[in-house]
Amino acid sequence: MLSLFLDAIFPKKSLSGGEGEWVSVSERRQLRSFPLVESATELRTHGIHHLDRLVSGSNYRECPLLKNAIWTFKFRRIPALGEELAKVMLEARCEEAKETKERSASCALVPVPLHWTRRFWRGFNQSDLLTRIISRECHLPLTHALRRIRPTGFQSHRARKERLTALAGAFRVVGPVPERVILIDDVATTGATLDACAKTLKEAGAQWVEAWVVARG
C-alpha cells in the first residue's frame, strides 16, 4: 500500500523519461555489453601503474544510455538498477576466453569502498551492491578488504593530477588480503581510484589485482 502511495506522488520514471518503471523493455535491450579488456601493458601507457588488468562491460560511445543509467543509479539513489548494470558486466565476462575465466575463478571480489559520509548521503555503496550481484552469479567469494579512511570528494570533476593528490593515502587494508583480487566499481575514467586501491592491496601482499567495471568513461 505504501509503495502504491509513493508511486502516485513520486512516479517512477524510466531512463528515457517514461513513467511506470525504472527501466523499460526497450531500454533493457539498449543496455548492451561492448566489452573492453585492457592488459597491464596498455594500462601503463595510461598512467595506471598497479592494476594488472581492467575489464569494462561497455562504453558510452557504443551504449549511450549507459551513462544515464549509472548516473540515475548513483545520484537518484535507485539501487534496483544494480541488477541491470551488473548484467552488462556479466555479459562482458561471458565473452572472455575460457582460460581467462579459469584465472578469474581463483580470485576474490573486493568492492571499491565509499567513505562513510558518502555512503550515508547516498544510502548505499554502488560498488558493494554490484559486487554482491557478481558474487552471487559467478560464485566468487566477496571480502571487504579495503576501507576508505577519508573523504576524497567527487572525482568526476577533477583532472587526473588532482585525482591522484586527493586519493593519496585514502585507502587502508582491513583484514586478510587475498592473493588474487578482482576490484569491482561502476566506472573507470582515469583509473586513478582503481589504481590507488590496487597499490594499497599489493603493499599488503596481493600478487594480482584486476578490476571489473560497468563502463569505461
N, C-alpha and C. Protein backbone atom coordinates (compact mmCIF):
# COMPACT_ATOMS: atom_id res chain seq x y z
N MET A 1 0.82 -1.20 0.00
CA MET A 1 0.00 0.00 0.00
C MET A 1 0.87 1.27 0.00
N LEU A 2 1.92 1.26 0.86
CA LEU A 2 2.81 2.42 0.93
C LEU A 2 3.50 2.65 -0.40
N SER A 3 3.95 1.57 -1.05
CA SER A 3 4.64 1.72 -2.33
C SER A 3 3.73 2.31 -3.39
N LEU A 4 2.44 1.92 -3.37
CA LEU A 4 1.48 2.46 -4.33
C LEU A 4 1.25 3.96 -4.07
N PHE A 5 1.21 4.32 -2.80
CA PHE A 5 1.03 5.72 -2.43
C PHE A 5 2.22 6.57 -2.89
N LEU A 6 3.42 6.05 -2.66
CA LEU A 6 4.62 6.78 -3.06
C LEU A 6 4.73 6.89 -4.58
N ASP A 7 4.35 5.81 -5.28
CA ASP A 7 4.39 5.84 -6.75
C ASP A 7 3.43 6.88 -7.30
N ALA A 8 2.30 7.09 -6.60
CA ALA A 8 1.33 8.08 -7.07
C ALA A 8 1.87 9.50 -6.91
N ILE A 9 2.63 9.74 -5.82
CA ILE A 9 3.17 11.08 -5.57
C ILE A 9 4.49 11.30 -6.31
N PHE A 10 5.34 10.27 -6.28
CA PHE A 10 6.64 10.34 -6.96
C PHE A 10 6.71 9.21 -7.99
N PRO A 11 6.09 9.38 -9.13
CA PRO A 11 6.04 8.29 -10.12
C PRO A 11 7.42 7.89 -10.61
N LYS A 12 7.59 6.59 -10.81
CA LYS A 12 8.84 6.10 -11.37
C LYS A 12 8.98 6.60 -12.79
N LYS A 13 10.17 7.06 -13.13
CA LYS A 13 10.45 7.50 -14.49
C LYS A 13 11.60 6.65 -15.04
N SER A 14 11.42 6.15 -16.24
CA SER A 14 12.45 5.33 -16.86
C SER A 14 13.61 6.20 -17.32
N LEU A 15 14.66 5.58 -17.82
CA LEU A 15 15.87 6.29 -18.24
C LEU A 15 15.59 7.27 -19.37
N SER A 16 14.55 7.01 -20.15
CA SER A 16 14.19 7.90 -21.26
C SER A 16 13.05 8.85 -20.90
N GLY A 17 12.60 8.82 -19.64
CA GLY A 17 11.57 9.75 -19.19
C GLY A 17 10.17 9.20 -19.11
N GLY A 18 9.95 7.95 -19.53
CA GLY A 18 8.63 7.33 -19.43
C GLY A 18 8.29 7.01 -17.99
N GLU A 19 7.00 6.92 -17.67
CA GLU A 19 6.58 6.66 -16.30
C GLU A 19 6.17 5.20 -16.11
N GLY A 20 6.30 4.74 -14.87
CA GLY A 20 5.81 3.42 -14.51
C GLY A 20 6.88 2.43 -14.11
N GLU A 21 8.13 2.62 -14.57
CA GLU A 21 9.20 1.68 -14.22
C GLU A 21 10.54 2.38 -14.40
N TRP A 22 11.56 1.87 -13.68
CA TRP A 22 12.87 2.49 -13.76
C TRP A 22 13.54 2.20 -15.10
N VAL A 23 13.32 1.01 -15.65
CA VAL A 23 13.91 0.64 -16.93
C VAL A 23 12.83 -0.04 -17.76
N SER A 24 12.58 0.48 -18.96
CA SER A 24 11.56 -0.11 -19.84
C SER A 24 12.16 -1.30 -20.61
N VAL A 25 11.31 -2.06 -21.25
CA VAL A 25 11.76 -3.22 -22.03
C VAL A 25 12.70 -2.78 -23.14
N SER A 26 12.35 -1.71 -23.83
CA SER A 26 13.21 -1.23 -24.93
C SER A 26 14.54 -0.71 -24.40
N GLU A 27 14.55 -0.11 -23.21
CA GLU A 27 15.80 0.37 -22.62
C GLU A 27 16.69 -0.79 -22.21
N ARG A 28 16.10 -1.86 -21.71
CA ARG A 28 16.90 -3.03 -21.35
C ARG A 28 17.64 -3.58 -22.57
N ARG A 29 16.98 -3.53 -23.73
CA ARG A 29 17.63 -4.01 -24.95
C ARG A 29 18.79 -3.11 -25.36
N GLN A 30 18.72 -1.83 -24.96
CA GLN A 30 19.79 -0.90 -25.31
C GLN A 30 20.99 -1.00 -24.37
N LEU A 31 20.78 -1.49 -23.16
CA LEU A 31 21.87 -1.62 -22.20
C LEU A 31 22.66 -2.88 -22.50
N ARG A 32 23.42 -2.81 -23.58
CA ARG A 32 24.17 -3.96 -24.06
C ARG A 32 25.64 -3.86 -23.70
N SER A 33 26.29 -5.00 -23.71
CA SER A 33 27.71 -5.05 -23.40
C SER A 33 28.55 -4.92 -24.67
N PHE A 34 29.53 -4.03 -24.60
CA PHE A 34 30.55 -3.90 -25.64
C PHE A 34 31.89 -3.97 -24.91
N PRO A 35 32.35 -5.19 -24.60
CA PRO A 35 33.47 -5.37 -23.68
C PRO A 35 34.78 -4.74 -24.16
N LEU A 36 35.52 -4.24 -23.19
CA LEU A 36 36.87 -3.73 -23.43
C LEU A 36 37.77 -4.32 -22.36
N VAL A 37 38.81 -5.03 -22.78
CA VAL A 37 39.77 -5.63 -21.85
C VAL A 37 41.13 -4.98 -22.08
N GLU A 38 41.68 -4.38 -21.03
CA GLU A 38 42.98 -3.71 -21.12
C GLU A 38 44.00 -4.45 -20.27
N SER A 39 45.11 -4.81 -20.89
CA SER A 39 46.18 -5.52 -20.20
C SER A 39 47.04 -4.55 -19.39
N ALA A 40 47.94 -5.11 -18.60
CA ALA A 40 48.84 -4.28 -17.80
C ALA A 40 49.66 -3.36 -18.69
N THR A 41 50.11 -3.87 -19.82
CA THR A 41 50.91 -3.06 -20.74
C THR A 41 50.13 -1.86 -21.24
N GLU A 42 48.88 -2.08 -21.61
CA GLU A 42 48.03 -0.98 -22.08
C GLU A 42 47.75 0.01 -20.96
N LEU A 43 47.49 -0.50 -19.75
CA LEU A 43 47.18 0.37 -18.62
C LEU A 43 48.37 1.26 -18.25
N ARG A 44 49.58 0.72 -18.37
CA ARG A 44 50.76 1.52 -18.03
C ARG A 44 50.89 2.73 -18.96
N THR A 45 50.48 2.57 -20.21
CA THR A 45 50.55 3.71 -21.14
C THR A 45 49.56 4.81 -20.76
N HIS A 46 48.56 4.47 -19.95
CA HIS A 46 47.58 5.45 -19.48
C HIS A 46 47.90 5.96 -18.07
N GLY A 47 49.09 5.60 -17.57
CA GLY A 47 49.49 6.07 -16.25
C GLY A 47 48.91 5.27 -15.10
N ILE A 48 48.38 4.07 -15.37
CA ILE A 48 47.85 3.18 -14.34
C ILE A 48 48.93 2.16 -14.02
N HIS A 49 49.57 2.27 -12.87
CA HIS A 49 50.82 1.56 -12.60
C HIS A 49 50.69 0.28 -11.79
N HIS A 50 49.57 0.07 -11.09
CA HIS A 50 49.47 -1.05 -10.16
C HIS A 50 48.41 -2.07 -10.55
N LEU A 51 47.46 -1.69 -11.34
CA LEU A 51 46.40 -2.59 -11.78
C LEU A 51 46.93 -3.51 -12.87
N ASP A 52 46.62 -4.81 -12.79
CA ASP A 52 47.14 -5.78 -13.74
C ASP A 52 46.22 -6.00 -14.95
N ARG A 53 44.97 -5.62 -14.81
CA ARG A 53 44.02 -5.85 -15.90
C ARG A 53 42.74 -5.09 -15.59
N LEU A 54 42.09 -4.59 -16.64
CA LEU A 54 40.83 -3.88 -16.47
C LEU A 54 39.82 -4.39 -17.49
N VAL A 55 38.68 -4.89 -16.99
CA VAL A 55 37.61 -5.39 -17.85
C VAL A 55 36.42 -4.46 -17.70
N SER A 56 36.05 -3.80 -18.78
CA SER A 56 34.91 -2.89 -18.78
C SER A 56 33.76 -3.52 -19.54
N GLY A 57 32.58 -3.47 -18.94
CA GLY A 57 31.41 -4.09 -19.56
C GLY A 57 31.02 -3.42 -20.86
N SER A 58 31.18 -2.09 -20.93
CA SER A 58 30.79 -1.37 -22.13
C SER A 58 31.42 0.01 -22.10
N ASN A 59 31.00 0.87 -23.04
CA ASN A 59 31.48 2.24 -23.07
C ASN A 59 30.33 3.15 -23.50
N TYR A 60 30.48 4.42 -23.26
CA TYR A 60 29.39 5.36 -23.52
C TYR A 60 29.16 5.59 -25.02
N ARG A 61 30.19 5.41 -25.81
CA ARG A 61 30.02 5.64 -27.25
C ARG A 61 29.14 4.57 -27.88
N GLU A 62 29.39 3.31 -27.54
CA GLU A 62 28.63 2.20 -28.11
C GLU A 62 27.28 2.02 -27.41
N CYS A 63 27.21 2.44 -26.15
CA CYS A 63 25.98 2.25 -25.37
C CYS A 63 25.64 3.58 -24.67
N PRO A 64 25.12 4.56 -25.41
CA PRO A 64 24.91 5.91 -24.86
C PRO A 64 23.95 5.98 -23.67
N LEU A 65 23.01 5.04 -23.58
CA LEU A 65 22.05 5.06 -22.46
C LEU A 65 22.73 4.69 -21.14
N LEU A 66 23.88 4.07 -21.23
CA LEU A 66 24.56 3.57 -20.03
C LEU A 66 24.97 4.70 -19.08
N LYS A 67 25.40 5.82 -19.64
CA LYS A 67 25.82 6.93 -18.78
C LYS A 67 24.66 7.43 -17.93
N ASN A 68 23.49 7.55 -18.52
CA ASN A 68 22.31 7.98 -17.79
C ASN A 68 21.92 6.93 -16.75
N ALA A 69 22.04 5.66 -17.11
CA ALA A 69 21.70 4.58 -16.17
C ALA A 69 22.58 4.62 -14.93
N ILE A 70 23.88 4.82 -15.13
CA ILE A 70 24.80 4.87 -13.99
C ILE A 70 24.55 6.12 -13.15
N TRP A 71 24.30 7.26 -13.80
CA TRP A 71 24.01 8.50 -13.07
C TRP A 71 22.74 8.33 -12.23
N THR A 72 21.71 7.72 -12.83
CA THR A 72 20.45 7.51 -12.11
C THR A 72 20.65 6.56 -10.93
N PHE A 73 21.39 5.50 -11.15
CA PHE A 73 21.72 4.51 -10.13
C PHE A 73 22.34 5.18 -8.91
N LYS A 74 23.32 6.06 -9.14
CA LYS A 74 24.08 6.66 -8.05
C LYS A 74 23.43 7.90 -7.46
N PHE A 75 23.02 8.83 -8.33
CA PHE A 75 22.64 10.15 -7.84
C PHE A 75 21.14 10.33 -7.64
N ARG A 76 20.33 9.49 -8.31
CA ARG A 76 18.91 9.46 -7.95
C ARG A 76 18.66 8.37 -6.92
N ARG A 77 19.73 7.66 -6.56
CA ARG A 77 19.69 6.65 -5.49
C ARG A 77 18.65 5.56 -5.79
N ILE A 78 18.85 4.88 -6.92
CA ILE A 78 17.94 3.80 -7.33
C ILE A 78 18.72 2.48 -7.31
N PRO A 79 18.89 1.84 -6.15
CA PRO A 79 19.68 0.61 -6.09
C PRO A 79 19.14 -0.51 -6.96
N ALA A 80 17.84 -0.49 -7.29
CA ALA A 80 17.26 -1.54 -8.13
C ALA A 80 17.94 -1.61 -9.50
N LEU A 81 18.54 -0.51 -9.94
CA LEU A 81 19.23 -0.51 -11.23
C LEU A 81 20.52 -1.33 -11.19
N GLY A 82 20.97 -1.70 -10.01
CA GLY A 82 22.18 -2.51 -9.89
C GLY A 82 22.11 -3.81 -10.66
N GLU A 83 20.94 -4.45 -10.66
CA GLU A 83 20.79 -5.71 -11.39
C GLU A 83 21.00 -5.51 -12.89
N GLU A 84 20.47 -4.42 -13.44
CA GLU A 84 20.61 -4.15 -14.87
C GLU A 84 22.06 -3.85 -15.23
N LEU A 85 22.73 -3.08 -14.39
CA LEU A 85 24.11 -2.72 -14.67
C LEU A 85 25.05 -3.91 -14.49
N ALA A 86 24.76 -4.74 -13.51
CA ALA A 86 25.58 -5.94 -13.31
C ALA A 86 25.48 -6.88 -14.51
N LYS A 87 24.32 -6.90 -15.17
CA LYS A 87 24.16 -7.75 -16.36
C LYS A 87 25.14 -7.35 -17.45
N VAL A 88 25.40 -6.05 -17.57
CA VAL A 88 26.36 -5.58 -18.57
C VAL A 88 27.76 -6.13 -18.26
N MET A 89 28.12 -6.15 -16.98
CA MET A 89 29.40 -6.70 -16.56
C MET A 89 29.46 -8.21 -16.79
N LEU A 90 28.37 -8.89 -16.49
CA LEU A 90 28.33 -10.34 -16.64
C LEU A 90 28.38 -10.76 -18.10
N GLU A 91 27.73 -9.99 -18.96
CA GLU A 91 27.79 -10.29 -20.39
C GLU A 91 29.21 -10.16 -20.92
N ALA A 92 29.93 -9.16 -20.42
CA ALA A 92 31.32 -8.97 -20.83
C ALA A 92 32.17 -10.16 -20.40
N ARG A 93 31.92 -10.65 -19.20
CA ARG A 93 32.69 -11.79 -18.71
C ARG A 93 32.41 -13.04 -19.54
N CYS A 94 31.18 -13.20 -19.98
CA CYS A 94 30.82 -14.38 -20.77
C CYS A 94 31.53 -14.41 -22.11
N GLU A 95 31.95 -13.25 -22.59
CA GLU A 95 32.62 -13.18 -23.88
C GLU A 95 34.13 -13.33 -23.77
N GLU A 96 34.63 -13.45 -22.56
CA GLU A 96 36.06 -13.62 -22.38
C GLU A 96 36.48 -15.05 -22.72
N ALA A 97 37.78 -15.21 -22.96
CA ALA A 97 38.33 -16.54 -23.28
C ALA A 97 38.22 -17.46 -22.08
N LYS A 98 38.14 -18.75 -22.33
CA LYS A 98 37.97 -19.76 -21.28
C LYS A 98 39.09 -19.68 -20.25
N GLU A 99 40.34 -19.53 -20.72
CA GLU A 99 41.46 -19.52 -19.78
C GLU A 99 41.41 -18.30 -18.87
N THR A 100 40.86 -17.20 -19.37
CA THR A 100 40.71 -16.00 -18.54
C THR A 100 39.69 -16.23 -17.44
N LYS A 101 38.60 -16.90 -17.77
CA LYS A 101 37.58 -17.22 -16.78
C LYS A 101 38.16 -18.12 -15.68
N GLU A 102 38.97 -19.09 -16.11
CA GLU A 102 39.55 -20.01 -15.13
C GLU A 102 40.47 -19.26 -14.18
N ARG A 103 41.21 -18.29 -14.71
CA ARG A 103 42.09 -17.49 -13.85
C ARG A 103 41.26 -16.66 -12.87
N SER A 104 40.18 -16.06 -13.35
CA SER A 104 39.33 -15.25 -12.50
C SER A 104 38.68 -16.07 -11.40
N ALA A 105 38.45 -17.37 -11.68
CA ALA A 105 37.77 -18.23 -10.71
C ALA A 105 38.56 -18.40 -9.42
N SER A 106 39.86 -18.11 -9.45
CA SER A 106 40.68 -18.25 -8.24
C SER A 106 40.79 -16.94 -7.47
N CYS A 107 40.06 -15.91 -7.90
CA CYS A 107 40.14 -14.59 -7.28
C CYS A 107 39.01 -14.37 -6.27
N ALA A 108 39.20 -13.37 -5.43
CA ALA A 108 38.15 -12.91 -4.53
C ALA A 108 37.73 -11.51 -4.97
N LEU A 109 36.45 -11.21 -4.83
CA LEU A 109 35.91 -9.91 -5.21
C LEU A 109 36.05 -8.92 -4.06
N VAL A 110 36.47 -7.70 -4.39
CA VAL A 110 36.60 -6.64 -3.39
C VAL A 110 35.94 -5.37 -3.94
N PRO A 111 34.88 -4.88 -3.31
CA PRO A 111 34.27 -3.63 -3.79
C PRO A 111 35.13 -2.42 -3.44
N VAL A 112 35.14 -1.45 -4.34
CA VAL A 112 35.81 -0.18 -4.03
C VAL A 112 34.98 0.52 -2.96
N PRO A 113 35.56 0.84 -1.82
CA PRO A 113 34.77 1.38 -0.71
C PRO A 113 34.46 2.86 -0.86
N LEU A 114 33.34 3.26 -0.29
CA LEU A 114 33.00 4.67 -0.11
C LEU A 114 33.36 5.10 1.30
N HIS A 115 33.66 6.38 1.47
CA HIS A 115 33.80 6.90 2.83
C HIS A 115 32.42 6.86 3.47
N TRP A 116 32.38 6.70 4.78
CA TRP A 116 31.08 6.53 5.45
C TRP A 116 30.17 7.73 5.24
N THR A 117 30.75 8.93 5.09
CA THR A 117 29.91 10.11 4.89
C THR A 117 29.19 10.05 3.55
N ARG A 118 29.89 9.59 2.50
CA ARG A 118 29.27 9.47 1.19
C ARG A 118 28.23 8.35 1.19
N ARG A 119 28.55 7.26 1.86
CA ARG A 119 27.58 6.16 1.92
C ARG A 119 26.32 6.60 2.65
N PHE A 120 26.48 7.36 3.72
CA PHE A 120 25.32 7.86 4.47
C PHE A 120 24.46 8.76 3.59
N TRP A 121 25.11 9.63 2.81
CA TRP A 121 24.38 10.55 1.94
C TRP A 121 23.64 9.80 0.84
N ARG A 122 24.30 8.78 0.24
CA ARG A 122 23.69 8.06 -0.87
C ARG A 122 22.74 6.98 -0.39
N GLY A 123 23.00 6.39 0.75
CA GLY A 123 22.16 5.33 1.27
C GLY A 123 22.67 3.94 0.95
N PHE A 124 23.63 3.83 0.06
CA PHE A 124 24.24 2.54 -0.28
C PHE A 124 25.55 2.80 -1.01
N ASN A 125 26.39 1.77 -1.05
CA ASN A 125 27.61 1.82 -1.85
C ASN A 125 27.34 1.09 -3.14
N GLN A 126 27.35 1.79 -4.27
CA GLN A 126 27.01 1.17 -5.54
C GLN A 126 27.98 0.04 -5.90
N SER A 127 29.24 0.18 -5.53
CA SER A 127 30.24 -0.86 -5.84
C SER A 127 29.97 -2.12 -5.03
N ASP A 128 29.58 -1.94 -3.77
CA ASP A 128 29.27 -3.08 -2.93
C ASP A 128 28.04 -3.82 -3.45
N LEU A 129 27.04 -3.07 -3.88
CA LEU A 129 25.83 -3.70 -4.41
C LEU A 129 26.15 -4.51 -5.67
N LEU A 130 26.95 -3.93 -6.59
CA LEU A 130 27.35 -4.65 -7.80
C LEU A 130 28.17 -5.89 -7.45
N THR A 131 29.05 -5.77 -6.46
CA THR A 131 29.89 -6.89 -6.06
C THR A 131 29.05 -8.05 -5.55
N ARG A 132 28.02 -7.77 -4.79
CA ARG A 132 27.17 -8.83 -4.25
C ARG A 132 26.44 -9.58 -5.38
N ILE A 133 26.04 -8.85 -6.40
CA ILE A 133 25.36 -9.50 -7.53
C ILE A 133 26.35 -10.36 -8.31
N ILE A 134 27.55 -9.82 -8.58
CA ILE A 134 28.57 -10.59 -9.30
C ILE A 134 28.97 -11.82 -8.51
N SER A 135 29.11 -11.67 -7.21
CA SER A 135 29.46 -12.81 -6.35
C SER A 135 28.39 -13.90 -6.43
N ARG A 136 27.14 -13.48 -6.38
CA ARG A 136 26.02 -14.43 -6.46
C ARG A 136 25.99 -15.16 -7.80
N GLU A 137 26.19 -14.44 -8.88
CA GLU A 137 26.06 -15.03 -10.21
C GLU A 137 27.29 -15.82 -10.64
N CYS A 138 28.46 -15.40 -10.18
CA CYS A 138 29.71 -16.07 -10.60
C CYS A 138 30.26 -17.03 -9.56
N HIS A 139 29.60 -17.09 -8.40
CA HIS A 139 30.03 -17.98 -7.31
C HIS A 139 31.48 -17.68 -6.90
N LEU A 140 31.78 -16.40 -6.78
CA LEU A 140 33.09 -15.97 -6.34
C LEU A 140 32.99 -15.37 -4.94
N PRO A 141 33.99 -15.61 -4.09
CA PRO A 141 33.94 -15.07 -2.72
C PRO A 141 34.07 -13.56 -2.72
N LEU A 142 33.43 -12.94 -1.74
CA LEU A 142 33.45 -11.48 -1.56
C LEU A 142 34.10 -11.17 -0.23
N THR A 143 35.00 -10.19 -0.25
CA THR A 143 35.60 -9.76 1.00
C THR A 143 35.76 -8.24 0.99
N HIS A 144 35.44 -7.61 2.13
CA HIS A 144 35.60 -6.16 2.26
C HIS A 144 36.99 -5.88 2.83
N ALA A 145 37.98 -6.02 1.97
CA ALA A 145 39.38 -5.92 2.40
C ALA A 145 39.90 -4.49 2.44
N LEU A 146 39.11 -3.55 1.91
CA LEU A 146 39.55 -2.16 1.88
C LEU A 146 38.58 -1.24 2.61
N ARG A 147 39.14 -0.18 3.15
CA ARG A 147 38.32 0.87 3.75
C ARG A 147 38.84 2.22 3.25
N ARG A 148 37.91 3.12 2.92
CA ARG A 148 38.30 4.49 2.56
C ARG A 148 38.33 5.28 3.85
N ILE A 149 39.49 5.73 4.25
CA ILE A 149 39.65 6.29 5.59
C ILE A 149 39.44 7.80 5.65
N ARG A 150 39.30 8.43 4.50
CA ARG A 150 38.97 9.86 4.49
C ARG A 150 38.20 10.18 3.22
N PRO A 151 37.35 11.19 3.26
CA PRO A 151 36.58 11.56 2.06
C PRO A 151 37.50 12.12 0.99
N THR A 152 37.18 11.83 -0.26
CA THR A 152 38.02 12.30 -1.37
C THR A 152 37.24 13.19 -2.34
N GLY A 153 35.98 13.48 -2.02
CA GLY A 153 35.21 14.38 -2.88
C GLY A 153 34.75 13.70 -4.16
N PHE A 154 34.16 14.47 -5.05
CA PHE A 154 33.67 13.95 -6.32
C PHE A 154 34.81 13.95 -7.33
N GLN A 155 35.30 12.77 -7.66
CA GLN A 155 36.44 12.65 -8.56
C GLN A 155 36.11 13.06 -9.99
N SER A 156 34.84 12.94 -10.39
CA SER A 156 34.47 13.20 -11.78
C SER A 156 34.72 14.65 -12.20
N HIS A 157 34.83 15.55 -11.23
CA HIS A 157 35.02 16.96 -11.55
C HIS A 157 36.49 17.36 -11.55
N ARG A 158 37.40 16.40 -11.40
CA ARG A 158 38.81 16.73 -11.25
C ARG A 158 39.65 16.22 -12.42
N ALA A 159 40.77 16.92 -12.66
CA ALA A 159 41.76 16.45 -13.61
C ALA A 159 42.54 15.31 -12.97
N ARG A 160 43.28 14.55 -13.80
CA ARG A 160 43.98 13.37 -13.29
C ARG A 160 44.93 13.72 -12.15
N LYS A 161 45.71 14.79 -12.28
CA LYS A 161 46.66 15.16 -11.24
C LYS A 161 45.95 15.45 -9.93
N GLU A 162 44.82 16.12 -10.00
CA GLU A 162 44.04 16.42 -8.80
C GLU A 162 43.48 15.15 -8.18
N ARG A 163 43.07 14.22 -9.02
CA ARG A 163 42.54 12.95 -8.51
C ARG A 163 43.62 12.19 -7.74
N LEU A 164 44.82 12.14 -8.31
CA LEU A 164 45.91 11.42 -7.67
C LEU A 164 46.24 12.04 -6.31
N THR A 165 46.25 13.36 -6.25
CA THR A 165 46.53 14.05 -4.98
C THR A 165 45.45 13.74 -3.94
N ALA A 166 44.18 13.76 -4.38
CA ALA A 166 43.06 13.51 -3.47
C ALA A 166 43.07 12.08 -2.94
N LEU A 167 43.55 11.13 -3.76
CA LEU A 167 43.49 9.71 -3.41
C LEU A 167 44.71 9.22 -2.62
N ALA A 168 45.75 10.01 -2.55
CA ALA A 168 46.96 9.57 -1.85
C ALA A 168 46.65 9.24 -0.39
N GLY A 169 46.90 7.99 0.00
CA GLY A 169 46.66 7.55 1.38
C GLY A 169 45.21 7.46 1.78
N ALA A 170 44.30 7.40 0.79
CA ALA A 170 42.87 7.41 1.11
C ALA A 170 42.34 6.03 1.50
N PHE A 171 43.08 4.96 1.20
CA PHE A 171 42.59 3.61 1.45
C PHE A 171 43.48 2.88 2.45
N ARG A 172 42.84 1.98 3.18
CA ARG A 172 43.57 1.16 4.16
C ARG A 172 43.03 -0.26 4.08
N VAL A 173 43.94 -1.22 4.22
CA VAL A 173 43.55 -2.63 4.25
C VAL A 173 42.96 -2.96 5.61
N VAL A 174 41.86 -3.72 5.60
CA VAL A 174 41.26 -4.20 6.85
C VAL A 174 41.04 -5.71 6.70
N GLY A 175 41.68 -6.46 7.53
CA GLY A 175 41.53 -7.92 7.46
C GLY A 175 42.48 -8.53 6.44
N PRO A 176 42.39 -9.85 6.27
CA PRO A 176 43.28 -10.58 5.36
C PRO A 176 43.09 -10.13 3.91
N VAL A 177 44.19 -10.09 3.17
CA VAL A 177 44.16 -9.71 1.76
C VAL A 177 44.33 -10.96 0.90
N PRO A 178 43.38 -11.24 -0.01
CA PRO A 178 43.52 -12.39 -0.90
C PRO A 178 44.75 -12.23 -1.80
N GLU A 179 45.28 -13.35 -2.24
CA GLU A 179 46.45 -13.29 -3.14
C GLU A 179 46.06 -12.73 -4.50
N ARG A 180 44.85 -13.07 -4.95
CA ARG A 180 44.37 -12.59 -6.25
C ARG A 180 43.04 -11.88 -6.04
N VAL A 181 42.94 -10.65 -6.52
CA VAL A 181 41.80 -9.79 -6.23
C VAL A 181 41.17 -9.29 -7.53
N ILE A 182 39.84 -9.23 -7.52
CA ILE A 182 39.10 -8.52 -8.56
C ILE A 182 38.37 -7.36 -7.88
N LEU A 183 38.80 -6.15 -8.17
CA LEU A 183 38.11 -4.95 -7.68
C LEU A 183 36.84 -4.73 -8.50
N ILE A 184 35.77 -4.29 -7.86
CA ILE A 184 34.51 -4.01 -8.55
C ILE A 184 34.15 -2.54 -8.33
N ASP A 185 33.84 -1.85 -9.45
CA ASP A 185 33.38 -0.47 -9.36
C ASP A 185 32.42 -0.21 -10.52
N ASP A 186 31.78 0.95 -10.51
CA ASP A 186 30.82 1.25 -11.58
C ASP A 186 31.49 1.81 -12.83
N VAL A 187 32.43 2.75 -12.65
CA VAL A 187 33.05 3.42 -13.81
C VAL A 187 34.54 3.55 -13.61
N ALA A 188 35.29 3.41 -14.69
CA ALA A 188 36.71 3.75 -14.71
C ALA A 188 36.89 4.87 -15.72
N THR A 189 37.31 6.04 -15.25
CA THR A 189 37.55 7.17 -16.15
C THR A 189 39.05 7.31 -16.35
N THR A 190 39.74 7.90 -15.39
CA THR A 190 41.21 7.92 -15.48
C THR A 190 41.81 6.63 -14.91
N GLY A 191 41.04 5.91 -14.09
CA GLY A 191 41.56 4.71 -13.44
C GLY A 191 42.30 5.00 -12.16
N ALA A 192 42.31 6.25 -11.72
CA ALA A 192 43.09 6.64 -10.55
C ALA A 192 42.61 5.96 -9.27
N THR A 193 41.29 5.87 -9.08
CA THR A 193 40.76 5.24 -7.87
C THR A 193 41.11 3.75 -7.83
N LEU A 194 40.90 3.07 -8.94
CA LEU A 194 41.22 1.64 -9.00
C LEU A 194 42.72 1.41 -8.78
N ASP A 195 43.54 2.28 -9.35
CA ASP A 195 44.99 2.12 -9.20
C ASP A 195 45.42 2.35 -7.76
N ALA A 196 44.78 3.31 -7.08
CA ALA A 196 45.10 3.56 -5.67
C ALA A 196 44.72 2.35 -4.82
N CYS A 197 43.58 1.75 -5.13
CA CYS A 197 43.16 0.53 -4.42
C CYS A 197 44.13 -0.61 -4.68
N ALA A 198 44.53 -0.78 -5.93
CA ALA A 198 45.46 -1.86 -6.29
C ALA A 198 46.80 -1.67 -5.57
N LYS A 199 47.27 -0.45 -5.51
CA LYS A 199 48.54 -0.16 -4.83
C LYS A 199 48.46 -0.55 -3.35
N THR A 200 47.37 -0.18 -2.70
CA THR A 200 47.19 -0.50 -1.28
C THR A 200 47.14 -2.00 -1.06
N LEU A 201 46.42 -2.71 -1.91
CA LEU A 201 46.30 -4.17 -1.78
C LEU A 201 47.63 -4.87 -2.02
N LYS A 202 48.38 -4.41 -3.00
CA LYS A 202 49.66 -5.05 -3.29
C LYS A 202 50.68 -4.78 -2.20
N GLU A 203 50.63 -3.61 -1.61
CA GLU A 203 51.53 -3.32 -0.49
C GLU A 203 51.23 -4.21 0.70
N ALA A 204 49.99 -4.72 0.76
CA ALA A 204 49.58 -5.61 1.86
C ALA A 204 49.72 -7.09 1.50
N GLY A 205 50.23 -7.39 0.29
CA GLY A 205 50.51 -8.78 -0.04
C GLY A 205 49.80 -9.38 -1.24
N ALA A 206 48.86 -8.67 -1.84
CA ALA A 206 48.18 -9.20 -3.03
C ALA A 206 49.19 -9.33 -4.18
N GLN A 207 49.08 -10.43 -4.94
CA GLN A 207 50.00 -10.68 -6.04
C GLN A 207 49.43 -10.25 -7.38
N TRP A 208 48.11 -10.24 -7.49
CA TRP A 208 47.44 -9.90 -8.75
C TRP A 208 46.18 -9.11 -8.41
N VAL A 209 46.01 -7.96 -9.04
CA VAL A 209 44.80 -7.17 -8.83
C VAL A 209 44.28 -6.71 -10.19
N GLU A 210 43.10 -7.17 -10.55
CA GLU A 210 42.43 -6.69 -11.75
C GLU A 210 41.13 -6.00 -11.32
N ALA A 211 40.46 -5.38 -12.25
CA ALA A 211 39.21 -4.67 -11.93
C ALA A 211 38.17 -4.94 -12.99
N TRP A 212 36.92 -5.05 -12.55
CA TRP A 212 35.76 -5.15 -13.44
C TRP A 212 34.89 -3.94 -13.17
N VAL A 213 34.51 -3.24 -14.23
CA VAL A 213 33.63 -2.08 -14.09
C VAL A 213 32.50 -2.18 -15.10
N VAL A 214 31.44 -1.44 -14.83
CA VAL A 214 30.32 -1.42 -15.77
C VAL A 214 30.74 -0.71 -17.04
N ALA A 215 31.39 0.46 -16.92
CA ALA A 215 31.70 1.27 -18.08
C ALA A 215 33.10 1.88 -17.98
N ARG A 216 33.69 2.06 -19.14
CA ARG A 216 34.94 2.80 -19.26
C ARG A 216 34.57 4.21 -19.70
N GLY A 217 34.69 5.17 -18.81
CA GLY A 217 34.26 6.51 -19.10
C GLY A 217 35.23 7.28 -19.98
